[in-house]
Amino acid sequence: MHRVELSRQAEKDLEKVFRSDKKLYQRFINALQAISVKPMDEGKPLHGELKGLRSYRFGSYRILYEVRHGQLLVIIIDLGHRRDIYK
């Protein structure tokens, strides 16, 4: 199992979700748990400017993350609705 750390941006976004929609917040928490167990199986690799990152999809929402295997660490870069996440 990998340790999960959130970037400042991801922390802010998750706090917004927590305040506005508890069910969606729980879906994000469940997704983060799944990513921590099998980070390479859960998300797909990204290309272009985002090469080196992975994207986990659930419904219309995405979690962008980086895996550091040597440290057993997953860094959550950003999370949110798909229309906003890749900007």
N, C-alpha and C. Protein backbone atom coordinates (compact mmCIF):
# COMPACT_ATOMS: atom_id res chain seq x y z
N MET A 1 0.85 -1.18 0.00
CA MET A 1 0.00 0.00 0.00
C MET A 1 0.89 1.24 0.00
N HIS A 2 0.52 2.21 -0.82
CA HIS A 2 1.26 3.47 -0.92
C HIS A 2 0.65 4.52 0.01
N ARG A 3 1.48 5.38 0.52
CA ARG A 3 1.01 6.54 1.30
C ARG A 3 0.48 7.57 0.30
N VAL A 4 -0.58 8.27 0.65
CA VAL A 4 -1.17 9.28 -0.23
C VAL A 4 -0.97 10.66 0.39
N GLU A 5 -0.43 11.57 -0.40
CA GLU A 5 -0.28 12.97 0.02
C GLU A 5 -0.99 13.85 -0.99
N LEU A 6 -1.61 14.91 -0.52
CA LEU A 6 -2.32 15.84 -1.39
C LEU A 6 -1.52 17.13 -1.54
N SER A 7 -1.50 17.64 -2.77
CA SER A 7 -0.90 18.96 -2.99
C SER A 7 -1.80 20.00 -2.33
N ARG A 8 -1.30 21.20 -2.20
CA ARG A 8 -2.13 22.27 -1.59
C ARG A 8 -3.40 22.49 -2.39
N GLN A 9 -3.28 22.47 -3.72
CA GLN A 9 -4.45 22.65 -4.58
C GLN A 9 -5.47 21.53 -4.35
N ALA A 10 -5.00 20.30 -4.29
CA ALA A 10 -5.90 19.17 -4.08
C ALA A 10 -6.57 19.26 -2.71
N GLU A 11 -5.83 19.69 -1.69
CA GLU A 11 -6.42 19.87 -0.36
C GLU A 11 -7.55 20.89 -0.40
N LYS A 12 -7.31 22.02 -1.06
CA LYS A 12 -8.33 23.07 -1.16
C LYS A 12 -9.55 22.56 -1.90
N ASP A 13 -9.33 21.85 -3.00
CA ASP A 13 -10.45 21.32 -3.78
C ASP A 13 -11.25 20.30 -2.98
N LEU A 14 -10.57 19.44 -2.25
CA LEU A 14 -11.26 18.44 -1.45
C LEU A 14 -12.05 19.09 -0.32
N GLU A 15 -11.52 20.15 0.27
CA GLU A 15 -12.25 20.88 1.31
C GLU A 15 -13.52 21.49 0.75
N LYS A 16 -13.44 22.05 -0.48
CA LYS A 16 -14.64 22.62 -1.12
C LYS A 16 -15.70 21.55 -1.32
N VAL A 17 -15.28 20.39 -1.78
CA VAL A 17 -16.22 19.29 -1.99
C VAL A 17 -16.83 18.88 -0.66
N PHE A 18 -16.03 18.79 0.38
CA PHE A 18 -16.52 18.41 1.70
C PHE A 18 -17.62 19.35 2.18
N ARG A 19 -17.40 20.65 1.97
CA ARG A 19 -18.38 21.64 2.42
C ARG A 19 -19.66 21.62 1.58
N SER A 20 -19.58 21.23 0.32
CA SER A 20 -20.73 21.36 -0.56
C SER A 20 -21.48 20.05 -0.82
N ASP A 21 -20.80 18.91 -0.80
CA ASP A 21 -21.45 17.65 -1.19
C ASP A 21 -20.78 16.48 -0.48
N LYS A 22 -21.37 16.05 0.62
CA LYS A 22 -20.77 14.99 1.44
C LYS A 22 -20.71 13.65 0.69
N LYS A 23 -21.70 13.36 -0.16
CA LYS A 23 -21.68 12.10 -0.91
C LYS A 23 -20.53 12.08 -1.91
N LEU A 24 -20.34 13.19 -2.60
CA LEU A 24 -19.24 13.28 -3.55
C LEU A 24 -17.90 13.22 -2.81
N TYR A 25 -17.82 13.85 -1.67
CA TYR A 25 -16.61 13.79 -0.84
C TYR A 25 -16.26 12.34 -0.52
N GLN A 26 -17.27 11.56 -0.12
CA GLN A 26 -17.02 10.15 0.21
C GLN A 26 -16.57 9.38 -1.02
N ARG A 27 -17.09 9.71 -2.18
CA ARG A 27 -16.63 9.06 -3.42
C ARG A 27 -15.16 9.37 -3.68
N PHE A 28 -14.74 10.62 -3.42
CA PHE A 28 -13.33 10.97 -3.57
C PHE A 28 -12.47 10.18 -2.58
N ILE A 29 -12.91 10.07 -1.34
CA ILE A 29 -12.16 9.33 -0.32
C ILE A 29 -12.02 7.86 -0.74
N ASN A 30 -13.09 7.26 -1.22
CA ASN A 30 -13.04 5.88 -1.69
C ASN A 30 -12.06 5.73 -2.86
N ALA A 31 -12.07 6.70 -3.76
CA ALA A 31 -11.16 6.67 -4.90
C ALA A 31 -9.70 6.79 -4.43
N LEU A 32 -9.44 7.66 -3.47
CA LEU A 32 -8.08 7.80 -2.95
C LEU A 32 -7.61 6.51 -2.29
N GLN A 33 -8.51 5.82 -1.61
CA GLN A 33 -8.15 4.54 -1.00
C GLN A 33 -7.81 3.51 -2.07
N ALA A 34 -8.59 3.46 -3.13
CA ALA A 34 -8.33 2.51 -4.22
C ALA A 34 -6.99 2.81 -4.88
N ILE A 35 -6.70 4.08 -5.08
CA ILE A 35 -5.42 4.47 -5.69
C ILE A 35 -4.25 4.07 -4.79
N SER A 36 -4.42 4.20 -3.49
CA SER A 36 -3.32 3.88 -2.56
C SER A 36 -2.97 2.39 -2.60
N VAL A 37 -3.94 1.54 -2.89
CA VAL A 37 -3.70 0.10 -2.91
C VAL A 37 -3.00 -0.33 -4.19
N LYS A 38 -3.50 0.12 -5.34
CA LYS A 38 -2.93 -0.28 -6.63
C LYS A 38 -2.85 0.93 -7.56
N PRO A 39 -1.91 1.82 -7.32
CA PRO A 39 -1.86 3.07 -8.08
C PRO A 39 -1.62 2.88 -9.58
N MET A 40 -0.93 1.83 -9.97
CA MET A 40 -0.64 1.63 -11.39
C MET A 40 -1.80 0.95 -12.11
N ASP A 41 -2.66 0.27 -11.38
CA ASP A 41 -3.80 -0.42 -11.99
C ASP A 41 -5.03 0.47 -12.08
N GLU A 42 -5.15 1.42 -11.18
CA GLU A 42 -6.38 2.22 -11.09
C GLU A 42 -6.47 3.33 -12.14
N GLY A 43 -5.40 4.05 -12.36
CA GLY A 43 -5.46 5.18 -13.27
C GLY A 43 -4.77 4.89 -14.58
N LYS A 44 -5.07 5.74 -15.56
CA LYS A 44 -4.40 5.58 -16.85
C LYS A 44 -3.29 6.62 -16.98
N PRO A 45 -2.22 6.26 -17.70
CA PRO A 45 -1.14 7.22 -17.89
C PRO A 45 -1.57 8.34 -18.83
N LEU A 46 -1.10 9.55 -18.54
CA LEU A 46 -1.41 10.70 -19.37
C LEU A 46 -0.26 10.97 -20.34
N HIS A 47 -0.56 11.76 -21.36
CA HIS A 47 0.41 12.06 -22.41
C HIS A 47 0.59 13.56 -22.55
N GLY A 48 1.49 13.96 -23.41
CA GLY A 48 1.70 15.38 -23.69
C GLY A 48 2.29 16.10 -22.50
N GLU A 49 1.74 17.28 -22.20
CA GLU A 49 2.25 18.11 -21.10
C GLU A 49 2.11 17.42 -19.74
N LEU A 50 1.18 16.48 -19.63
CA LEU A 50 0.93 15.81 -18.36
C LEU A 50 1.59 14.45 -18.28
N LYS A 51 2.52 14.18 -19.17
CA LYS A 51 3.22 12.90 -19.18
C LYS A 51 3.90 12.69 -17.82
N GLY A 52 3.81 11.49 -17.31
CA GLY A 52 4.37 11.17 -16.00
C GLY A 52 3.30 11.15 -14.92
N LEU A 53 2.13 11.72 -15.22
CA LEU A 53 1.01 11.70 -14.28
C LEU A 53 0.02 10.62 -14.72
N ARG A 54 -0.86 10.27 -13.82
CA ARG A 54 -1.92 9.32 -14.11
C ARG A 54 -3.26 9.98 -13.76
N SER A 55 -4.33 9.49 -14.38
CA SER A 55 -5.66 10.02 -14.15
C SER A 55 -6.60 8.89 -13.74
N TYR A 56 -7.23 9.06 -12.58
CA TYR A 56 -8.23 8.12 -12.10
C TYR A 56 -9.59 8.73 -12.39
N ARG A 57 -10.46 7.95 -13.00
CA ARG A 57 -11.77 8.45 -13.43
C ARG A 57 -12.88 7.78 -12.63
N PHE A 58 -13.84 8.59 -12.17
CA PHE A 58 -15.10 8.05 -11.66
C PHE A 58 -16.18 9.04 -12.03
N GLY A 59 -17.12 8.59 -12.85
CA GLY A 59 -18.16 9.46 -13.37
C GLY A 59 -17.54 10.61 -14.14
N SER A 60 -17.95 11.81 -13.84
CA SER A 60 -17.44 13.01 -14.51
C SER A 60 -16.26 13.62 -13.77
N TYR A 61 -15.74 12.93 -12.78
CA TYR A 61 -14.67 13.48 -11.95
C TYR A 61 -13.35 12.77 -12.21
N ARG A 62 -12.27 13.49 -11.97
CA ARG A 62 -10.93 12.95 -12.19
C ARG A 62 -10.02 13.29 -11.00
N ILE A 63 -9.06 12.41 -10.80
CA ILE A 63 -7.99 12.66 -9.84
C ILE A 63 -6.69 12.50 -10.60
N LEU A 64 -5.87 13.55 -10.62
CA LEU A 64 -4.56 13.49 -11.27
C LEU A 64 -3.52 13.22 -10.19
N TYR A 65 -2.66 12.23 -10.46
CA TYR A 65 -1.68 11.88 -9.45
C TYR A 65 -0.38 11.38 -10.05
N GLU A 66 0.65 11.41 -9.21
CA GLU A 66 1.99 10.94 -9.56
C GLU A 66 2.35 9.82 -8.59
N VAL A 67 2.99 8.78 -9.12
CA VAL A 67 3.40 7.65 -8.29
C VAL A 67 4.92 7.67 -8.13
N ARG A 68 5.37 7.57 -6.90
CA ARG A 68 6.80 7.46 -6.60
C ARG A 68 7.02 6.11 -5.93
N HIS A 69 7.38 5.12 -6.74
CA HIS A 69 7.49 3.75 -6.25
C HIS A 69 8.57 3.58 -5.19
N GLY A 70 9.72 4.23 -5.37
CA GLY A 70 10.81 4.09 -4.42
C GLY A 70 10.43 4.51 -3.02
N GLN A 71 9.47 5.42 -2.92
CA GLN A 71 9.04 5.93 -1.62
C GLN A 71 7.68 5.37 -1.21
N LEU A 72 7.10 4.51 -2.07
CA LEU A 72 5.73 4.01 -1.85
C LEU A 72 4.79 5.18 -1.56
N LEU A 73 4.81 6.15 -2.46
CA LEU A 73 4.09 7.40 -2.27
C LEU A 73 3.27 7.73 -3.51
N VAL A 74 2.05 8.19 -3.29
CA VAL A 74 1.19 8.71 -4.35
C VAL A 74 0.92 10.16 -4.00
N ILE A 75 1.24 11.06 -4.93
CA ILE A 75 0.99 12.48 -4.72
C ILE A 75 -0.20 12.89 -5.57
N ILE A 76 -1.25 13.35 -4.91
CA ILE A 76 -2.44 13.81 -5.62
C ILE A 76 -2.18 15.25 -6.04
N ILE A 77 -2.12 15.47 -7.35
CA ILE A 77 -1.82 16.79 -7.89
C ILE A 77 -3.07 17.66 -7.92
N ASP A 78 -4.16 17.10 -8.42
CA ASP A 78 -5.39 17.87 -8.55
C ASP A 78 -6.57 16.91 -8.61
N LEU A 79 -7.75 17.41 -8.27
CA LEU A 79 -8.96 16.62 -8.39
C LEU A 79 -10.13 17.54 -8.66
N GLY A 80 -11.12 17.02 -9.37
CA GLY A 80 -12.30 17.82 -9.67
C GLY A 80 -13.04 17.31 -10.88
N HIS A 81 -13.96 18.13 -11.37
CA HIS A 81 -14.77 17.78 -12.54
C HIS A 81 -13.89 17.76 -13.78
N ARG A 82 -14.21 16.88 -14.71
CA ARG A 82 -13.36 16.71 -15.89
C ARG A 82 -13.24 17.96 -16.76
N ARG A 83 -14.25 18.81 -16.74
CA ARG A 83 -14.20 20.03 -17.57
C ARG A 83 -13.14 21.01 -17.07
N ASP A 84 -12.76 20.89 -15.79
CA ASP A 84 -11.81 21.83 -15.20
C ASP A 84 -10.43 21.24 -14.92
N ILE A 85 -10.34 19.95 -14.82
CA ILE A 85 -9.15 19.31 -14.27
C ILE A 85 -7.91 19.42 -15.16
N TYR A 86 -8.07 19.39 -16.46
CA TYR A 86 -6.92 19.35 -17.35
C TYR A 86 -6.43 20.74 -17.78
N LYS A 87 -7.01 21.79 -17.22
CA LYS A 87 -6.62 23.16 -17.59
C LYS A 87 -5.39 23.61 -16.85
